[in-house]
N, C-alpha and C. Protein backbone atom coordinates (compact mmCIF):
# COMPACT_ATOMS: atom_id res chain seq x y z
N MET A 1 88.82 1.67 -32.26
CA MET A 1 88.14 1.01 -31.15
C MET A 1 88.52 -0.47 -31.12
N SER A 2 88.63 -1.02 -29.94
CA SER A 2 88.99 -2.43 -29.78
C SER A 2 87.96 -3.33 -30.44
N LYS A 3 88.43 -4.42 -31.02
CA LYS A 3 87.52 -5.36 -31.68
C LYS A 3 86.62 -6.09 -30.70
N TYR A 4 86.91 -5.95 -29.39
CA TYR A 4 86.10 -6.60 -28.37
C TYR A 4 84.98 -5.71 -27.86
N LEU A 5 84.83 -4.53 -28.44
CA LEU A 5 83.79 -3.61 -27.99
C LEU A 5 82.72 -3.43 -29.07
N LEU A 6 81.64 -4.20 -28.93
CA LEU A 6 80.45 -4.07 -29.76
C LEU A 6 80.66 -4.33 -31.25
N ASP A 7 81.69 -5.07 -31.61
CA ASP A 7 81.85 -5.47 -32.99
C ASP A 7 81.04 -6.72 -33.31
N GLU A 8 80.45 -7.33 -32.27
CA GLU A 8 79.55 -8.45 -32.47
C GLU A 8 78.30 -8.20 -31.65
N HIS A 9 77.23 -8.93 -31.95
CA HIS A 9 75.95 -8.70 -31.27
C HIS A 9 76.12 -8.90 -29.76
N PRO A 10 75.86 -7.89 -28.96
CA PRO A 10 76.08 -7.99 -27.51
C PRO A 10 74.93 -8.68 -26.78
N LEU A 11 75.24 -9.21 -25.60
CA LEU A 11 74.20 -9.72 -24.72
C LEU A 11 73.66 -8.54 -23.93
N ILE A 12 72.35 -8.41 -23.89
CA ILE A 12 71.74 -7.28 -23.20
C ILE A 12 70.91 -7.79 -22.03
N VAL A 13 71.14 -7.21 -20.86
CA VAL A 13 70.41 -7.61 -19.65
C VAL A 13 69.86 -6.38 -18.97
N ILE A 14 68.58 -6.40 -18.63
CA ILE A 14 67.96 -5.30 -17.91
C ILE A 14 68.45 -5.34 -16.45
N PRO A 15 69.04 -4.27 -15.95
CA PRO A 15 69.59 -4.26 -14.59
C PRO A 15 68.60 -4.71 -13.52
N LYS A 16 67.34 -4.27 -13.64
CA LYS A 16 66.35 -4.62 -12.63
C LYS A 16 66.12 -6.13 -12.58
N LEU A 17 66.18 -6.77 -13.75
CA LEU A 17 66.03 -8.23 -13.80
C LEU A 17 67.20 -8.91 -13.11
N ALA A 18 68.41 -8.38 -13.35
CA ALA A 18 69.60 -8.95 -12.72
C ALA A 18 69.53 -8.83 -11.20
N VAL A 19 69.00 -7.71 -10.73
CA VAL A 19 68.84 -7.53 -9.28
C VAL A 19 67.84 -8.53 -8.71
N ALA A 20 66.78 -8.78 -9.47
CA ALA A 20 65.69 -9.63 -8.99
C ALA A 20 66.05 -11.12 -8.99
N VAL A 21 66.77 -11.59 -10.02
CA VAL A 21 67.02 -13.03 -10.13
C VAL A 21 68.49 -13.41 -10.09
N GLY A 22 69.38 -12.44 -10.21
CA GLY A 22 70.80 -12.72 -10.27
C GLY A 22 71.32 -12.47 -11.68
N LEU A 23 72.57 -12.01 -11.79
CA LEU A 23 73.12 -11.65 -13.10
C LEU A 23 73.20 -12.84 -14.05
N ASN A 24 73.76 -13.96 -13.58
CA ASN A 24 73.88 -15.14 -14.44
C ASN A 24 72.52 -15.63 -14.92
N GLU A 25 71.57 -15.66 -13.99
CA GLU A 25 70.23 -16.12 -14.32
C GLU A 25 69.56 -15.18 -15.32
N ALA A 26 69.79 -13.88 -15.16
CA ALA A 26 69.20 -12.90 -16.07
C ALA A 26 69.74 -13.07 -17.48
N ILE A 27 71.03 -13.38 -17.59
CA ILE A 27 71.64 -13.59 -18.91
C ILE A 27 71.01 -14.80 -19.59
N VAL A 28 70.86 -15.88 -18.85
CA VAL A 28 70.27 -17.10 -19.41
C VAL A 28 68.82 -16.86 -19.82
N LEU A 29 68.04 -16.22 -18.95
CA LEU A 29 66.64 -15.96 -19.28
C LEU A 29 66.51 -15.09 -20.52
N GLN A 30 67.40 -14.10 -20.64
CA GLN A 30 67.35 -13.23 -21.81
C GLN A 30 67.67 -14.01 -23.09
N GLN A 31 68.64 -14.94 -23.00
CA GLN A 31 68.99 -15.74 -24.16
C GLN A 31 67.86 -16.69 -24.55
N ILE A 32 67.22 -17.28 -23.55
CA ILE A 32 66.07 -18.15 -23.82
C ILE A 32 64.94 -17.34 -24.44
N ASN A 33 64.72 -16.15 -23.92
CA ASN A 33 63.66 -15.30 -24.47
C ASN A 33 63.92 -14.97 -25.93
N TYR A 34 65.19 -14.80 -26.28
CA TYR A 34 65.55 -14.52 -27.68
C TYR A 34 65.11 -15.67 -28.59
N TRP A 35 65.38 -16.90 -28.15
CA TRP A 35 65.02 -18.05 -28.97
C TRP A 35 63.52 -18.31 -28.95
N LEU A 36 62.88 -17.98 -27.84
CA LEU A 36 61.42 -18.13 -27.79
C LEU A 36 60.75 -17.21 -28.80
N SER A 37 61.32 -16.04 -28.99
CA SER A 37 60.73 -15.08 -29.94
C SER A 37 60.80 -15.59 -31.37
N LYS A 38 61.72 -16.52 -31.64
CA LYS A 38 61.88 -17.08 -32.98
C LYS A 38 61.25 -18.46 -33.11
N SER A 39 60.79 -19.02 -32.00
CA SER A 39 60.29 -20.39 -32.00
C SER A 39 58.91 -20.51 -32.67
N THR A 40 58.71 -21.64 -33.32
CA THR A 40 57.40 -21.96 -33.91
C THR A 40 56.74 -23.11 -33.16
N LYS A 41 57.39 -23.55 -32.08
CA LYS A 41 56.86 -24.64 -31.26
C LYS A 41 55.91 -24.05 -30.22
N VAL A 42 54.60 -24.24 -30.44
CA VAL A 42 53.60 -23.68 -29.53
C VAL A 42 52.77 -24.82 -28.94
N ILE A 43 52.74 -24.90 -27.62
CA ILE A 43 51.97 -25.92 -26.91
C ILE A 43 51.19 -25.24 -25.81
N ASN A 44 49.88 -25.48 -25.77
CA ASN A 44 49.02 -24.85 -24.75
C ASN A 44 49.16 -23.33 -24.74
N GLY A 45 49.32 -22.77 -25.93
CA GLY A 45 49.38 -21.32 -26.04
C GLY A 45 50.71 -20.70 -25.65
N ARG A 46 51.73 -21.53 -25.41
CA ARG A 46 53.03 -21.00 -25.00
C ARG A 46 54.11 -21.47 -25.97
N LYS A 47 55.06 -20.59 -26.27
CA LYS A 47 56.17 -20.95 -27.13
C LYS A 47 57.24 -21.70 -26.32
N TRP A 48 57.89 -22.65 -26.97
CA TRP A 48 58.95 -23.44 -26.34
C TRP A 48 60.17 -23.46 -27.25
N THR A 49 61.35 -23.60 -26.64
CA THR A 49 62.58 -23.70 -27.41
C THR A 49 63.48 -24.74 -26.78
N TYR A 50 64.48 -25.18 -27.50
CA TYR A 50 65.39 -26.18 -26.94
C TYR A 50 66.80 -25.96 -27.46
N ASN A 51 67.75 -26.44 -26.68
CA ASN A 51 69.17 -26.50 -27.02
C ASN A 51 69.79 -27.45 -26.01
N SER A 52 70.80 -28.16 -26.40
CA SER A 52 71.52 -28.98 -25.44
C SER A 52 72.39 -28.04 -24.60
N TYR A 53 72.87 -28.51 -23.46
CA TYR A 53 73.74 -27.68 -22.64
C TYR A 53 74.99 -27.29 -23.41
N GLU A 54 75.45 -28.20 -24.27
CA GLU A 54 76.63 -27.90 -25.08
C GLU A 54 76.34 -26.77 -26.07
N ASP A 55 75.12 -26.80 -26.64
CA ASP A 55 74.75 -25.73 -27.58
C ASP A 55 74.58 -24.39 -26.88
N TRP A 56 74.02 -24.44 -25.66
CA TRP A 56 73.90 -23.20 -24.90
C TRP A 56 75.29 -22.65 -24.59
N GLN A 57 76.23 -23.56 -24.32
CA GLN A 57 77.58 -23.14 -23.97
C GLN A 57 78.28 -22.45 -25.15
N LYS A 58 77.92 -22.85 -26.37
CA LYS A 58 78.49 -22.20 -27.55
C LYS A 58 78.00 -20.75 -27.65
N GLN A 59 76.80 -20.51 -27.18
CA GLN A 59 76.25 -19.15 -27.20
C GLN A 59 76.76 -18.32 -26.03
N LEU A 60 77.11 -19.01 -24.95
CA LEU A 60 77.59 -18.35 -23.74
C LEU A 60 78.96 -18.94 -23.38
N PRO A 61 79.97 -18.70 -24.22
CA PRO A 61 81.27 -19.36 -24.09
C PRO A 61 82.09 -18.97 -22.86
N PHE A 62 81.66 -17.95 -22.13
CA PHE A 62 82.38 -17.54 -20.94
C PHE A 62 82.04 -18.42 -19.74
N TRP A 63 81.11 -19.37 -19.92
CA TRP A 63 80.76 -20.33 -18.86
C TRP A 63 81.07 -21.74 -19.33
N SER A 64 81.32 -22.62 -18.37
CA SER A 64 81.49 -24.03 -18.67
C SER A 64 80.12 -24.68 -18.78
N VAL A 65 80.07 -25.87 -19.35
CA VAL A 65 78.81 -26.60 -19.47
C VAL A 65 78.22 -26.86 -18.10
N SER A 66 79.06 -27.20 -17.13
CA SER A 66 78.57 -27.48 -15.77
C SER A 66 77.96 -26.24 -15.13
N THR A 67 78.53 -25.08 -15.40
CA THR A 67 77.98 -23.83 -14.85
C THR A 67 76.62 -23.54 -15.47
N ILE A 68 76.51 -23.72 -16.77
CA ILE A 68 75.24 -23.49 -17.45
C ILE A 68 74.17 -24.45 -16.93
N LYS A 69 74.54 -25.71 -16.75
CA LYS A 69 73.60 -26.69 -16.24
C LYS A 69 73.12 -26.29 -14.84
N ARG A 70 74.03 -25.78 -14.02
CA ARG A 70 73.67 -25.36 -12.67
C ARG A 70 72.70 -24.18 -12.69
N ILE A 71 72.92 -23.24 -13.61
CA ILE A 71 72.04 -22.08 -13.71
C ILE A 71 70.64 -22.51 -14.17
N PHE A 72 70.59 -23.37 -15.17
CA PHE A 72 69.30 -23.86 -15.66
C PHE A 72 68.55 -24.61 -14.56
N THR A 73 69.26 -25.47 -13.84
CA THR A 73 68.64 -26.25 -12.77
C THR A 73 68.08 -25.33 -11.69
N GLY A 74 68.84 -24.29 -11.34
CA GLY A 74 68.39 -23.34 -10.34
C GLY A 74 67.16 -22.58 -10.77
N LEU A 75 67.11 -22.18 -12.04
CA LEU A 75 65.95 -21.46 -12.56
C LEU A 75 64.71 -22.35 -12.58
N GLU A 76 64.91 -23.64 -12.88
CA GLU A 76 63.78 -24.58 -12.86
C GLU A 76 63.26 -24.76 -11.44
N LYS A 77 64.16 -24.94 -10.48
CA LYS A 77 63.75 -25.12 -9.09
C LYS A 77 63.04 -23.88 -8.57
N ASP A 78 63.46 -22.73 -9.09
CA ASP A 78 62.87 -21.46 -8.66
C ASP A 78 61.53 -21.20 -9.34
N GLY A 79 61.17 -22.02 -10.33
CA GLY A 79 59.89 -21.86 -11.01
C GLY A 79 59.88 -20.82 -12.10
N LEU A 80 61.03 -20.19 -12.37
CA LEU A 80 61.08 -19.16 -13.40
C LEU A 80 61.22 -19.77 -14.79
N LEU A 81 61.81 -20.95 -14.84
CA LEU A 81 62.01 -21.67 -16.10
C LEU A 81 61.24 -22.98 -16.03
N VAL A 82 60.45 -23.24 -17.07
CA VAL A 82 59.64 -24.46 -17.12
C VAL A 82 60.18 -25.36 -18.23
N SER A 83 60.33 -26.64 -17.94
CA SER A 83 60.84 -27.57 -18.94
C SER A 83 59.82 -28.66 -19.24
N GLY A 84 59.98 -29.31 -20.39
CA GLY A 84 59.06 -30.37 -20.77
C GLY A 84 59.64 -31.22 -21.88
N ASN A 85 59.12 -32.43 -22.04
CA ASN A 85 59.52 -33.32 -23.12
C ASN A 85 58.31 -33.57 -24.02
N PHE A 86 58.33 -33.00 -25.20
CA PHE A 86 57.19 -33.10 -26.12
C PHE A 86 57.55 -33.89 -27.38
N ASN A 87 58.54 -34.74 -27.25
CA ASN A 87 59.02 -35.48 -28.41
C ASN A 87 58.21 -36.75 -28.63
N LYS A 88 57.92 -37.03 -29.89
CA LYS A 88 57.12 -38.20 -30.23
C LYS A 88 57.85 -39.51 -29.92
N ALA A 89 59.13 -39.54 -30.20
CA ALA A 89 59.92 -40.75 -29.93
C ALA A 89 60.32 -40.81 -28.46
N LYS A 90 60.07 -41.92 -27.81
CA LYS A 90 60.36 -42.05 -26.39
C LYS A 90 61.86 -41.94 -26.09
N PHE A 91 62.67 -42.35 -27.07
CA PHE A 91 64.11 -42.29 -26.84
C PHE A 91 64.67 -40.88 -26.98
N ASP A 92 63.85 -39.98 -27.53
CA ASP A 92 64.28 -38.59 -27.70
C ASP A 92 64.09 -37.84 -26.40
N LYS A 93 65.19 -37.52 -25.74
CA LYS A 93 65.14 -36.86 -24.43
C LYS A 93 65.36 -35.34 -24.54
N THR A 94 65.16 -34.81 -25.74
CA THR A 94 65.34 -33.37 -25.92
C THR A 94 64.47 -32.60 -24.92
N LYS A 95 65.08 -31.66 -24.23
CA LYS A 95 64.39 -30.90 -23.19
C LYS A 95 63.98 -29.53 -23.74
N TRP A 96 62.69 -29.26 -23.70
CA TRP A 96 62.17 -27.98 -24.16
C TRP A 96 61.98 -27.03 -22.99
N TYR A 97 62.14 -25.74 -23.27
CA TYR A 97 62.05 -24.74 -22.20
C TYR A 97 61.11 -23.58 -22.57
N THR A 98 60.48 -23.04 -21.55
CA THR A 98 59.75 -21.78 -21.69
C THR A 98 59.89 -21.02 -20.38
N ILE A 99 59.54 -19.77 -20.39
CA ILE A 99 59.68 -18.92 -19.20
C ILE A 99 58.32 -18.68 -18.57
N ASP A 100 58.25 -18.83 -17.25
CA ASP A 100 57.01 -18.51 -16.54
C ASP A 100 56.98 -17.00 -16.33
N SER A 101 56.34 -16.30 -17.26
CA SER A 101 56.34 -14.84 -17.24
C SER A 101 55.62 -14.26 -16.02
N VAL A 102 54.64 -14.98 -15.51
CA VAL A 102 53.90 -14.49 -14.34
C VAL A 102 54.81 -14.46 -13.11
N LYS A 103 55.53 -15.56 -12.88
CA LYS A 103 56.43 -15.61 -11.74
C LYS A 103 57.58 -14.64 -11.91
N LEU A 104 58.06 -14.50 -13.14
CA LEU A 104 59.16 -13.58 -13.39
C LEU A 104 58.72 -12.14 -13.11
N THR A 105 57.53 -11.78 -13.57
CA THR A 105 57.01 -10.44 -13.33
C THR A 105 56.83 -10.19 -11.84
N SER A 106 56.34 -11.19 -11.12
CA SER A 106 56.15 -11.07 -9.69
C SER A 106 57.48 -10.84 -8.98
N ARG A 107 58.52 -11.55 -9.44
CA ARG A 107 59.83 -11.41 -8.82
C ARG A 107 60.39 -10.01 -9.03
N VAL A 108 60.28 -9.51 -10.25
CA VAL A 108 60.77 -8.17 -10.53
C VAL A 108 59.93 -7.13 -9.80
N CYS A 109 58.65 -7.46 -9.63
CA CYS A 109 57.74 -6.56 -8.93
C CYS A 109 58.21 -6.31 -7.50
N GLN A 110 58.79 -7.32 -6.89
CA GLN A 110 59.30 -7.17 -5.53
C GLN A 110 60.33 -6.04 -5.48
N VAL A 111 61.25 -6.06 -6.44
CA VAL A 111 62.30 -5.05 -6.48
C VAL A 111 61.70 -3.68 -6.74
N ASP A 112 60.81 -3.59 -7.73
CA ASP A 112 60.23 -2.31 -8.11
C ASP A 112 59.39 -1.72 -6.98
N THR A 113 58.59 -2.58 -6.33
CA THR A 113 57.73 -2.10 -5.25
C THR A 113 58.56 -1.54 -4.10
N MET A 114 59.61 -2.26 -3.75
CA MET A 114 60.45 -1.80 -2.65
C MET A 114 61.13 -0.48 -2.99
N GLU A 115 61.51 -0.32 -4.26
CA GLU A 115 62.13 0.94 -4.67
C GLU A 115 61.13 2.09 -4.60
N LYS A 116 59.91 1.83 -5.06
CA LYS A 116 58.91 2.89 -5.10
C LYS A 116 58.49 3.34 -3.71
N VAL A 117 58.52 2.42 -2.77
CA VAL A 117 58.15 2.78 -1.40
C VAL A 117 59.37 3.35 -0.68
N LYS A 118 60.48 3.40 -1.39
CA LYS A 118 61.74 3.91 -0.86
C LYS A 118 62.23 3.08 0.33
N LEU A 119 62.17 1.79 0.21
CA LEU A 119 62.63 0.93 1.30
C LEU A 119 64.10 0.55 1.15
N THR A 120 64.87 1.36 0.46
CA THR A 120 66.26 1.01 0.25
C THR A 120 67.24 2.07 0.73
N GLN A 121 66.74 3.11 1.39
CA GLN A 121 67.63 4.17 1.81
C GLN A 121 67.96 4.07 3.30
N PRO A 122 69.27 3.97 3.65
CA PRO A 122 69.66 3.90 5.05
C PRO A 122 69.50 5.26 5.73
N ILE A 123 69.24 5.25 7.01
CA ILE A 123 69.12 6.50 7.75
C ILE A 123 69.89 6.38 9.05
N PRO A 124 70.30 7.50 9.64
CA PRO A 124 70.99 7.44 10.92
C PRO A 124 70.01 7.12 12.04
N ASP A 125 70.53 6.66 13.15
CA ASP A 125 69.69 6.35 14.30
C ASP A 125 69.33 7.66 15.00
N THR A 126 68.10 8.10 14.84
CA THR A 126 67.69 9.40 15.38
C THR A 126 67.55 9.38 16.90
N THR A 127 67.61 8.19 17.50
CA THR A 127 67.49 8.12 18.96
C THR A 127 68.84 8.33 19.63
N ASP A 128 69.91 8.40 18.86
CA ASP A 128 71.24 8.61 19.40
C ASP A 128 71.47 10.10 19.54
N THR A 129 71.66 10.57 20.75
CA THR A 129 71.80 12.00 21.01
C THR A 129 73.24 12.46 21.07
N SER A 130 74.19 11.58 20.78
CA SER A 130 75.60 11.97 20.82
C SER A 130 75.89 12.95 19.70
N THR A 131 76.97 13.72 19.83
CA THR A 131 77.31 14.71 18.82
C THR A 131 78.00 14.09 17.61
N ASP A 132 78.54 12.88 17.76
CA ASP A 132 79.22 12.21 16.64
C ASP A 132 78.21 11.43 15.84
N THR A 133 77.87 11.92 14.65
CA THR A 133 76.84 11.27 13.82
C THR A 133 77.44 10.36 12.75
N SER A 134 78.78 10.29 12.71
CA SER A 134 79.40 9.52 11.63
C SER A 134 79.19 8.03 11.78
N SER A 135 78.98 7.54 13.00
CA SER A 135 78.86 6.10 13.21
C SER A 135 77.47 5.68 13.66
N LYS A 136 76.47 6.54 13.47
CA LYS A 136 75.13 6.21 13.90
C LYS A 136 74.55 5.09 13.06
N THR A 137 73.92 4.14 13.69
CA THR A 137 73.27 3.03 12.99
C THR A 137 71.91 2.79 13.60
N TYR A 138 71.06 2.14 12.85
CA TYR A 138 69.72 1.84 13.33
C TYR A 138 69.73 0.60 14.21
N SER A 139 69.10 0.65 15.33
CA SER A 139 68.99 -0.50 16.22
C SER A 139 67.53 -0.87 16.35
N PRO A 140 67.16 -2.12 15.95
CA PRO A 140 65.75 -2.55 16.02
C PRO A 140 65.16 -2.36 17.40
N ALA A 141 65.98 -2.50 18.43
CA ALA A 141 65.49 -2.40 19.80
C ALA A 141 65.02 -0.98 20.11
N LYS A 142 65.52 0.01 19.34
CA LYS A 142 65.17 1.40 19.60
C LYS A 142 64.00 1.88 18.74
N ALA A 143 63.50 1.03 17.85
CA ALA A 143 62.40 1.44 16.98
C ALA A 143 61.12 1.64 17.77
N GLU A 144 60.31 2.59 17.33
CA GLU A 144 59.05 2.82 18.01
C GLU A 144 58.20 1.55 17.98
N PRO A 145 57.68 1.09 19.11
CA PRO A 145 56.94 -0.18 19.18
C PRO A 145 55.62 -0.13 18.42
N TYR A 146 55.12 1.07 18.14
CA TYR A 146 53.81 1.17 17.49
C TYR A 146 53.87 1.07 15.97
N LEU A 147 55.05 1.05 15.38
CA LEU A 147 55.12 0.99 13.93
C LEU A 147 54.54 -0.34 13.42
N PRO A 148 53.65 -0.29 12.43
CA PRO A 148 52.93 -1.49 11.95
C PRO A 148 53.76 -2.33 10.98
N PHE A 149 54.90 -2.84 11.45
CA PHE A 149 55.77 -3.63 10.58
C PHE A 149 55.01 -4.80 9.95
N GLY A 150 54.33 -5.58 10.80
CA GLY A 150 53.63 -6.77 10.33
C GLY A 150 52.56 -6.45 9.31
N GLU A 151 51.79 -5.42 9.57
CA GLU A 151 50.69 -5.06 8.67
C GLU A 151 51.21 -4.63 7.30
N ILE A 152 52.29 -3.87 7.28
CA ILE A 152 52.86 -3.41 6.01
C ILE A 152 53.43 -4.57 5.21
N VAL A 153 54.22 -5.40 5.86
CA VAL A 153 54.86 -6.52 5.16
C VAL A 153 53.83 -7.54 4.69
N ASN A 154 52.85 -7.84 5.52
CA ASN A 154 51.80 -8.77 5.12
C ASN A 154 51.02 -8.25 3.93
N PHE A 155 50.76 -6.94 3.92
CA PHE A 155 50.05 -6.31 2.81
C PHE A 155 50.87 -6.41 1.53
N LEU A 156 52.17 -6.17 1.63
CA LEU A 156 53.06 -6.27 0.47
C LEU A 156 53.10 -7.70 -0.06
N ASN A 157 53.25 -8.65 0.83
CA ASN A 157 53.31 -10.06 0.41
C ASN A 157 52.02 -10.50 -0.27
N GLU A 158 50.90 -10.03 0.26
CA GLU A 158 49.60 -10.40 -0.30
C GLU A 158 49.40 -9.82 -1.69
N LYS A 159 49.76 -8.54 -1.85
CA LYS A 159 49.51 -7.85 -3.11
C LYS A 159 50.52 -8.23 -4.19
N ALA A 160 51.79 -8.40 -3.81
CA ALA A 160 52.84 -8.59 -4.81
C ALA A 160 53.32 -10.03 -4.91
N GLY A 161 52.81 -10.90 -4.06
CA GLY A 161 53.23 -12.29 -4.11
C GLY A 161 54.65 -12.48 -3.61
N THR A 162 55.08 -11.59 -2.72
CA THR A 162 56.44 -11.67 -2.18
C THR A 162 56.46 -12.46 -0.88
N LYS A 163 57.64 -12.64 -0.33
CA LYS A 163 57.77 -13.43 0.89
C LYS A 163 58.69 -12.74 1.90
N TYR A 164 58.52 -11.43 2.05
CA TYR A 164 59.31 -10.71 3.03
C TYR A 164 58.86 -11.06 4.45
N ARG A 165 59.78 -10.94 5.40
CA ARG A 165 59.48 -11.25 6.80
C ARG A 165 59.47 -9.96 7.62
N SER A 166 58.39 -9.76 8.35
CA SER A 166 58.30 -8.55 9.16
C SER A 166 59.24 -8.59 10.36
N SER A 167 59.76 -9.77 10.67
CA SER A 167 60.66 -9.92 11.81
C SER A 167 62.10 -9.57 11.43
N SER A 168 62.36 -9.38 10.16
CA SER A 168 63.71 -9.07 9.71
C SER A 168 64.15 -7.70 10.20
N ALA A 169 65.34 -7.64 10.79
CA ALA A 169 65.86 -6.37 11.30
C ALA A 169 66.04 -5.37 10.16
N LYS A 170 66.47 -5.86 9.00
CA LYS A 170 66.68 -4.96 7.86
C LYS A 170 65.35 -4.38 7.38
N THR A 171 64.32 -5.23 7.33
CA THR A 171 63.00 -4.75 6.90
C THR A 171 62.48 -3.70 7.87
N LYS A 172 62.63 -3.96 9.16
CA LYS A 172 62.18 -2.98 10.17
C LYS A 172 62.94 -1.67 10.03
N LYS A 173 64.22 -1.78 9.75
CA LYS A 173 65.04 -0.58 9.58
C LYS A 173 64.53 0.27 8.42
N LEU A 174 64.22 -0.39 7.32
CA LEU A 174 63.78 0.32 6.13
C LEU A 174 62.41 0.96 6.32
N ILE A 175 61.50 0.23 6.95
CA ILE A 175 60.17 0.78 7.22
C ILE A 175 60.27 1.94 8.19
N HIS A 176 61.09 1.78 9.21
CA HIS A 176 61.31 2.84 10.19
C HIS A 176 61.82 4.11 9.50
N ALA A 177 62.71 3.91 8.50
CA ALA A 177 63.26 5.05 7.78
C ALA A 177 62.18 5.85 7.08
N ARG A 178 61.24 5.13 6.45
CA ARG A 178 60.19 5.82 5.71
C ARG A 178 59.24 6.56 6.66
N PHE A 179 58.95 5.96 7.82
CA PHE A 179 58.10 6.66 8.79
C PHE A 179 58.81 7.91 9.30
N SER A 180 60.12 7.84 9.43
CA SER A 180 60.88 9.00 9.88
C SER A 180 60.81 10.13 8.86
N GLU A 181 60.57 9.76 7.59
CA GLU A 181 60.45 10.77 6.53
C GLU A 181 59.03 11.32 6.40
N GLY A 182 58.11 10.77 7.20
CA GLY A 182 56.75 11.28 7.17
C GLY A 182 55.73 10.38 6.51
N PHE A 183 56.18 9.19 6.03
CA PHE A 183 55.23 8.26 5.42
C PHE A 183 54.27 7.72 6.47
N LYS A 184 53.03 7.49 6.06
CA LYS A 184 52.02 6.90 6.93
C LYS A 184 51.63 5.52 6.38
N LEU A 185 50.88 4.77 7.18
CA LEU A 185 50.46 3.43 6.78
C LEU A 185 49.71 3.46 5.46
N ASP A 186 48.82 4.42 5.30
CA ASP A 186 48.04 4.53 4.06
C ASP A 186 48.93 4.81 2.85
N ASP A 187 50.03 5.54 3.07
CA ASP A 187 50.96 5.81 1.98
C ASP A 187 51.61 4.52 1.49
N PHE A 188 52.02 3.69 2.45
CA PHE A 188 52.62 2.40 2.10
C PHE A 188 51.65 1.57 1.27
N LYS A 189 50.42 1.45 1.75
CA LYS A 189 49.43 0.62 1.09
C LYS A 189 49.08 1.15 -0.30
N ALA A 190 49.02 2.46 -0.44
CA ALA A 190 48.67 3.06 -1.72
C ALA A 190 49.74 2.76 -2.77
N VAL A 191 51.00 2.93 -2.40
CA VAL A 191 52.09 2.69 -3.34
C VAL A 191 52.20 1.21 -3.67
N ILE A 192 52.08 0.36 -2.66
CA ILE A 192 52.16 -1.09 -2.88
C ILE A 192 51.05 -1.55 -3.82
N THR A 193 49.84 -1.07 -3.59
CA THR A 193 48.70 -1.45 -4.43
C THR A 193 48.91 -1.00 -5.87
N LYS A 194 49.35 0.22 -6.05
CA LYS A 194 49.56 0.78 -7.39
C LYS A 194 50.62 0.01 -8.16
N LYS A 195 51.78 -0.21 -7.53
CA LYS A 195 52.88 -0.86 -8.22
C LYS A 195 52.60 -2.33 -8.46
N SER A 196 51.92 -2.99 -7.55
CA SER A 196 51.59 -4.40 -7.73
C SER A 196 50.66 -4.58 -8.93
N LYS A 197 49.69 -3.68 -9.08
CA LYS A 197 48.75 -3.77 -10.21
C LYS A 197 49.49 -3.55 -11.53
N GLU A 198 50.44 -2.64 -11.53
CA GLU A 198 51.20 -2.36 -12.75
C GLU A 198 52.02 -3.56 -13.18
N TRP A 199 52.71 -4.17 -12.21
CA TRP A 199 53.61 -5.28 -12.56
C TRP A 199 52.87 -6.57 -12.79
N LEU A 200 51.79 -6.79 -12.07
CA LEU A 200 51.07 -8.05 -12.22
C LEU A 200 49.93 -7.94 -13.22
N ASN A 201 49.71 -6.72 -13.75
CA ASN A 201 48.64 -6.50 -14.74
C ASN A 201 47.28 -6.96 -14.24
N THR A 202 46.94 -6.64 -13.00
CA THR A 202 45.66 -7.06 -12.42
C THR A 202 44.72 -5.88 -12.34
């Protein structure tokens, strides 16, 4: 077997996390979580860890320091990564990090909830009566006007802390698909409520 295949400790990333936050971001969060599990620095009940960008780059040598800095900055802006300076000496600018597990869970919950409600399967445009079905696509203009797009999306956003838009053509397409399969409004709400409670632990 090649020496490049699992002869050293591999980086492990949960696919669902990568879908929710991005592959690069998922790798960084997983690496930070590894160091948090070994950290003895506890402030306000949360563990913190630190490394310079150069030190992080040694652990993730396939990226440049500038790329790592960009990923960290993006995670901080997104609220998934929290930073702080807890050093006694004012000249010590060491940056400590921890993960906002609540926001991270909420983000992954968005992916899981959408999967459970089956909002990811494309369907043909059933209003097209032509015999050629190979090129059928969904057209928002042809969707039944009575479908409760707004009510479903608002309910999902409220329960899961997501920010989906009911005006999105893609969202309407996906909801329309589920109604075409026989789903009702109560079915949507039941699944959303169940999965949101599981992921948010409420």
